[in-house]
């Protein structure tokens, strides 16, 4: 589940990095009632691009950590220890 969420965040970040004007336009339509009157300043697009790059980078780092986790990417509590397996077979 964590990997899927990180993947979605990474895709959103990639889209925001590559097409910041479309993302800002979409959010403007969602947030404002009359989006035709709202005109963002030019620096908003640069900030949206930086935000998208940060999201993509965080997603890549998170996916790397999930993939290289010692427990094989399983969630906490899913891993069965070998000692508990041995106890069950002896009984």
N, C-alpha and C. Protein backbone atom coordinates (compact mmCIF):
# COMPACT_ATOMS: atom_id res chain seq x y z
N UNK A 1 0.83 -1.20 0.00
CA UNK A 1 0.00 0.00 0.00
C UNK A 1 0.87 1.25 0.00
N UNK A 2 1.95 1.21 0.80
CA UNK A 2 2.83 2.35 0.88
C UNK A 2 3.50 2.61 -0.47
N UNK A 3 3.90 1.55 -1.15
CA UNK A 3 4.55 1.70 -2.45
C UNK A 3 3.59 2.28 -3.48
N UNK A 4 2.33 1.88 -3.43
CA UNK A 4 1.34 2.40 -4.37
C UNK A 4 1.11 3.90 -4.15
N UNK A 5 1.05 4.30 -2.88
CA UNK A 5 0.88 5.72 -2.56
C UNK A 5 2.08 6.53 -3.02
N UNK A 6 3.28 6.00 -2.79
CA UNK A 6 4.49 6.68 -3.24
C UNK A 6 4.53 6.79 -4.77
N UNK A 7 4.07 5.76 -5.45
CA UNK A 7 4.03 5.80 -6.90
C UNK A 7 3.07 6.87 -7.42
N UNK A 8 1.91 6.98 -6.79
CA UNK A 8 0.94 8.00 -7.18
C UNK A 8 1.50 9.40 -6.94
N UNK A 9 2.13 9.60 -5.79
CA UNK A 9 2.74 10.90 -5.47
C UNK A 9 3.82 11.23 -6.49
N UNK A 10 4.61 10.24 -6.85
CA UNK A 10 5.66 10.45 -7.85
C UNK A 10 5.11 10.82 -9.22
N UNK A 11 4.03 10.18 -9.62
CA UNK A 11 3.42 10.51 -10.91
C UNK A 11 2.83 11.92 -10.91
N UNK A 12 2.19 12.29 -9.80
CA UNK A 12 1.66 13.65 -9.69
C UNK A 12 2.80 14.66 -9.74
N UNK A 13 3.88 14.37 -9.03
CA UNK A 13 5.04 15.26 -9.05
C UNK A 13 5.65 15.38 -10.43
N UNK A 14 5.73 14.27 -11.15
CA UNK A 14 6.27 14.30 -12.51
C UNK A 14 5.40 15.13 -13.44
N UNK A 15 4.09 14.95 -13.35
CA UNK A 15 3.17 15.75 -14.17
C UNK A 15 3.29 17.22 -13.82
N UNK A 16 3.37 17.51 -12.53
CA UNK A 16 3.48 18.91 -12.10
C UNK A 16 4.80 19.53 -12.54
N UNK A 17 5.86 18.74 -12.60
CA UNK A 17 7.15 19.25 -13.04
C UNK A 17 7.16 19.52 -14.54
N UNK A 18 6.55 18.62 -15.31
CA UNK A 18 6.58 18.75 -16.77
C UNK A 18 5.54 19.73 -17.31
N UNK A 19 4.40 19.87 -16.63
CA UNK A 19 3.34 20.75 -17.13
C UNK A 19 2.77 21.60 -15.99
N UNK A 20 3.56 22.54 -15.46
CA UNK A 20 3.07 23.31 -14.31
C UNK A 20 1.90 24.23 -14.65
N UNK A 21 1.85 24.74 -15.86
CA UNK A 21 0.74 25.64 -16.23
C UNK A 21 -0.59 24.91 -16.23
N UNK A 22 -0.61 23.69 -16.72
CA UNK A 22 -1.86 22.91 -16.72
C UNK A 22 -2.31 22.59 -15.30
N UNK A 23 -1.37 22.26 -14.44
CA UNK A 23 -1.71 21.93 -13.05
C UNK A 23 -2.23 23.17 -12.34
N UNK A 24 -1.57 24.31 -12.52
CA UNK A 24 -2.03 25.56 -11.88
C UNK A 24 -3.40 25.95 -12.42
N UNK A 25 -3.61 25.78 -13.71
CA UNK A 25 -4.92 26.10 -14.31
C UNK A 25 -6.01 25.21 -13.73
N UNK A 26 -5.71 23.90 -13.57
CA UNK A 26 -6.70 22.97 -13.02
C UNK A 26 -7.02 23.32 -11.57
N UNK A 27 -6.00 23.60 -10.75
CA UNK A 27 -6.24 23.97 -9.36
C UNK A 27 -6.98 25.30 -9.26
N UNK A 28 -6.71 26.22 -10.16
CA UNK A 28 -7.41 27.50 -10.15
C UNK A 28 -8.90 27.29 -10.42
N UNK A 29 -9.21 26.42 -11.36
CA UNK A 29 -10.63 26.12 -11.64
C UNK A 29 -11.31 25.46 -10.46
N UNK A 30 -10.58 24.62 -9.75
CA UNK A 30 -11.16 23.92 -8.60
C UNK A 30 -11.38 24.87 -7.43
N UNK A 31 -10.42 25.76 -7.17
CA UNK A 31 -10.44 26.59 -5.98
C UNK A 31 -11.35 27.80 -6.11
N UNK A 32 -11.36 28.46 -7.27
CA UNK A 32 -12.10 29.72 -7.43
C UNK A 32 -13.43 29.49 -8.14
N UNK A 33 -14.43 30.26 -7.75
CA UNK A 33 -15.73 30.18 -8.41
C UNK A 33 -15.65 30.74 -9.82
N UNK A 34 -14.98 31.88 -9.97
CA UNK A 34 -14.84 32.51 -11.29
C UNK A 34 -13.35 32.48 -11.66
N UNK A 35 -12.91 31.35 -12.19
CA UNK A 35 -11.49 31.15 -12.48
C UNK A 35 -11.01 32.01 -13.65
N UNK A 36 -11.93 32.56 -14.44
CA UNK A 36 -11.53 33.39 -15.57
C UNK A 36 -10.87 34.69 -15.15
N UNK A 37 -11.22 35.20 -13.98
CA UNK A 37 -10.65 36.45 -13.50
C UNK A 37 -9.31 36.26 -12.79
N UNK A 38 -9.02 35.05 -12.37
CA UNK A 38 -7.79 34.79 -11.62
C UNK A 38 -6.62 34.61 -12.59
N UNK A 39 -5.61 35.43 -12.41
CA UNK A 39 -4.41 35.34 -13.25
C UNK A 39 -3.20 35.21 -12.34
N UNK A 40 -2.63 34.00 -12.27
CA UNK A 40 -1.46 33.81 -11.40
C UNK A 40 -0.24 34.55 -11.93
N UNK A 41 0.60 34.96 -11.02
CA UNK A 41 1.85 35.62 -11.41
C UNK A 41 2.79 34.57 -12.00
N UNK A 42 3.80 35.03 -12.68
CA UNK A 42 4.72 34.13 -13.37
C UNK A 42 5.51 33.24 -12.41
N UNK A 43 5.80 33.72 -11.21
CA UNK A 43 6.58 32.93 -10.27
C UNK A 43 5.81 31.72 -9.75
N UNK A 44 4.50 31.73 -9.86
CA UNK A 44 3.69 30.60 -9.39
C UNK A 44 4.03 29.34 -10.18
N UNK A 45 4.29 29.49 -11.46
CA UNK A 45 4.62 28.33 -12.29
C UNK A 45 5.98 27.75 -11.91
N UNK A 46 6.92 28.61 -11.58
CA UNK A 46 8.24 28.13 -11.14
C UNK A 46 8.12 27.39 -9.81
N UNK A 47 7.32 27.92 -8.90
CA UNK A 47 7.13 27.26 -7.61
C UNK A 47 6.41 25.91 -7.79
N UNK A 48 5.44 25.86 -8.69
CA UNK A 48 4.74 24.60 -8.97
C UNK A 48 5.70 23.57 -9.54
N UNK A 49 6.60 23.99 -10.39
CA UNK A 49 7.59 23.08 -10.97
C UNK A 49 8.55 22.56 -9.89
N UNK A 50 8.99 23.44 -9.00
CA UNK A 50 9.88 23.01 -7.91
C UNK A 50 9.14 22.05 -6.98
N UNK A 51 7.90 22.35 -6.67
CA UNK A 51 7.11 21.47 -5.81
C UNK A 51 6.96 20.09 -6.46
N UNK A 52 6.70 20.05 -7.75
CA UNK A 52 6.59 18.78 -8.45
C UNK A 52 7.89 17.99 -8.42
N UNK A 53 9.01 18.68 -8.58
CA UNK A 53 10.31 18.01 -8.53
C UNK A 53 10.58 17.44 -7.14
N UNK A 54 10.21 18.19 -6.10
CA UNK A 54 10.39 17.70 -4.73
C UNK A 54 9.51 16.47 -4.48
N UNK A 55 8.27 16.52 -4.93
CA UNK A 55 7.38 15.36 -4.77
C UNK A 55 7.94 14.13 -5.49
N UNK A 56 8.43 14.32 -6.70
CA UNK A 56 8.99 13.19 -7.45
C UNK A 56 10.24 12.65 -6.76
N UNK A 57 11.08 13.52 -6.26
CA UNK A 57 12.30 13.08 -5.57
C UNK A 57 11.98 12.32 -4.29
N UNK A 58 11.05 12.84 -3.50
CA UNK A 58 10.64 12.17 -2.26
C UNK A 58 10.04 10.80 -2.59
N UNK A 59 9.28 10.73 -3.65
CA UNK A 59 8.69 9.46 -4.06
C UNK A 59 9.75 8.45 -4.47
N UNK A 60 10.74 8.89 -5.22
CA UNK A 60 11.81 7.98 -5.65
C UNK A 60 12.59 7.47 -4.45
N UNK A 61 12.91 8.36 -3.52
CA UNK A 61 13.65 7.94 -2.32
C UNK A 61 12.81 6.98 -1.49
N UNK A 62 11.54 7.27 -1.34
CA UNK A 62 10.66 6.38 -0.59
C UNK A 62 10.51 5.02 -1.23
N UNK A 63 10.35 4.99 -2.55
CA UNK A 63 10.25 3.71 -3.25
C UNK A 63 11.55 2.92 -3.13
N UNK A 64 12.68 3.61 -3.18
CA UNK A 64 13.97 2.93 -3.02
C UNK A 64 14.07 2.31 -1.63
N UNK A 65 13.64 3.05 -0.61
CA UNK A 65 13.70 2.52 0.76
C UNK A 65 12.77 1.34 0.95
N UNK A 66 11.59 1.39 0.33
CA UNK A 66 10.66 0.27 0.43
C UNK A 66 11.25 -0.95 -0.27
N UNK A 67 11.87 -0.74 -1.41
CA UNK A 67 12.42 -1.86 -2.18
C UNK A 67 13.63 -2.49 -1.51
N UNK A 68 14.39 -1.72 -0.76
CA UNK A 68 15.61 -2.25 -0.15
C UNK A 68 15.45 -2.50 1.35
N UNK A 69 14.23 -2.53 1.83
CA UNK A 69 13.99 -2.77 3.26
C UNK A 69 14.45 -4.18 3.62
N UNK A 70 14.91 -4.36 4.85
CA UNK A 70 15.42 -5.65 5.30
C UNK A 70 14.35 -6.73 5.33
N UNK A 71 13.12 -6.36 5.58
CA UNK A 71 12.07 -7.37 5.66
C UNK A 71 11.43 -7.65 4.31
N UNK A 72 12.08 -7.26 3.24
CA UNK A 72 11.59 -7.58 1.90
C UNK A 72 10.40 -6.76 1.47
N UNK A 73 10.20 -5.60 2.08
CA UNK A 73 9.10 -4.73 1.67
C UNK A 73 7.78 -5.06 2.33
N UNK A 74 7.77 -6.02 3.27
CA UNK A 74 6.53 -6.36 3.95
C UNK A 74 6.22 -5.30 4.99
N UNK A 75 4.95 -5.16 5.29
CA UNK A 75 4.53 -4.22 6.32
C UNK A 75 4.97 -4.73 7.68
N UNK A 76 5.08 -3.86 8.67
CA UNK A 76 5.44 -4.26 10.03
C UNK A 76 4.40 -5.24 10.56
N UNK A 77 4.86 -6.30 11.18
CA UNK A 77 3.95 -7.28 11.75
C UNK A 77 3.61 -8.40 10.80
N UNK A 78 3.93 -8.31 9.52
CA UNK A 78 3.63 -9.34 8.56
C UNK A 78 4.69 -10.43 8.54
N UNK A 79 5.86 -10.10 9.01
CA UNK A 79 6.97 -11.04 8.95
C UNK A 79 6.85 -12.05 10.08
N UNK A 80 6.99 -13.31 9.75
CA UNK A 80 6.92 -14.37 10.74
C UNK A 80 8.35 -14.78 11.06
N UNK A 81 8.68 -14.77 12.33
CA UNK A 81 10.05 -15.14 12.71
C UNK A 81 10.22 -16.65 12.62
N UNK A 82 11.45 -17.08 12.38
CA UNK A 82 11.72 -18.51 12.27
C UNK A 82 11.53 -19.21 13.59
N UNK A 83 11.72 -18.52 14.71
CA UNK A 83 11.54 -19.14 16.02
C UNK A 83 10.09 -19.52 16.25
N UNK A 84 9.16 -18.67 15.83
CA UNK A 84 7.75 -18.99 16.04
C UNK A 84 7.31 -20.14 15.14
N UNK A 85 7.92 -20.28 13.97
CA UNK A 85 7.60 -21.38 13.08
C UNK A 85 8.10 -22.69 13.69
N UNK A 86 9.30 -22.66 14.27
CA UNK A 86 9.85 -23.86 14.91
C UNK A 86 9.02 -24.27 16.11
N UNK A 87 8.51 -23.32 16.89
CA UNK A 87 7.69 -23.63 18.03
C UNK A 87 6.41 -24.33 17.62
N UNK A 88 5.84 -23.92 16.50
CA UNK A 88 4.59 -24.52 16.04
C UNK A 88 4.82 -25.96 15.56
N UNK A 89 5.96 -26.23 14.95
CA UNK A 89 6.20 -27.58 14.43
C UNK A 89 6.55 -28.56 15.53
N UNK A 90 7.14 -28.08 16.63
CA UNK A 90 7.50 -28.96 17.74
C UNK A 90 6.28 -29.39 18.55
N UNK A 91 5.26 -28.61 18.57
CA UNK A 91 4.11 -28.89 19.41
C UNK A 91 3.23 -29.97 18.88
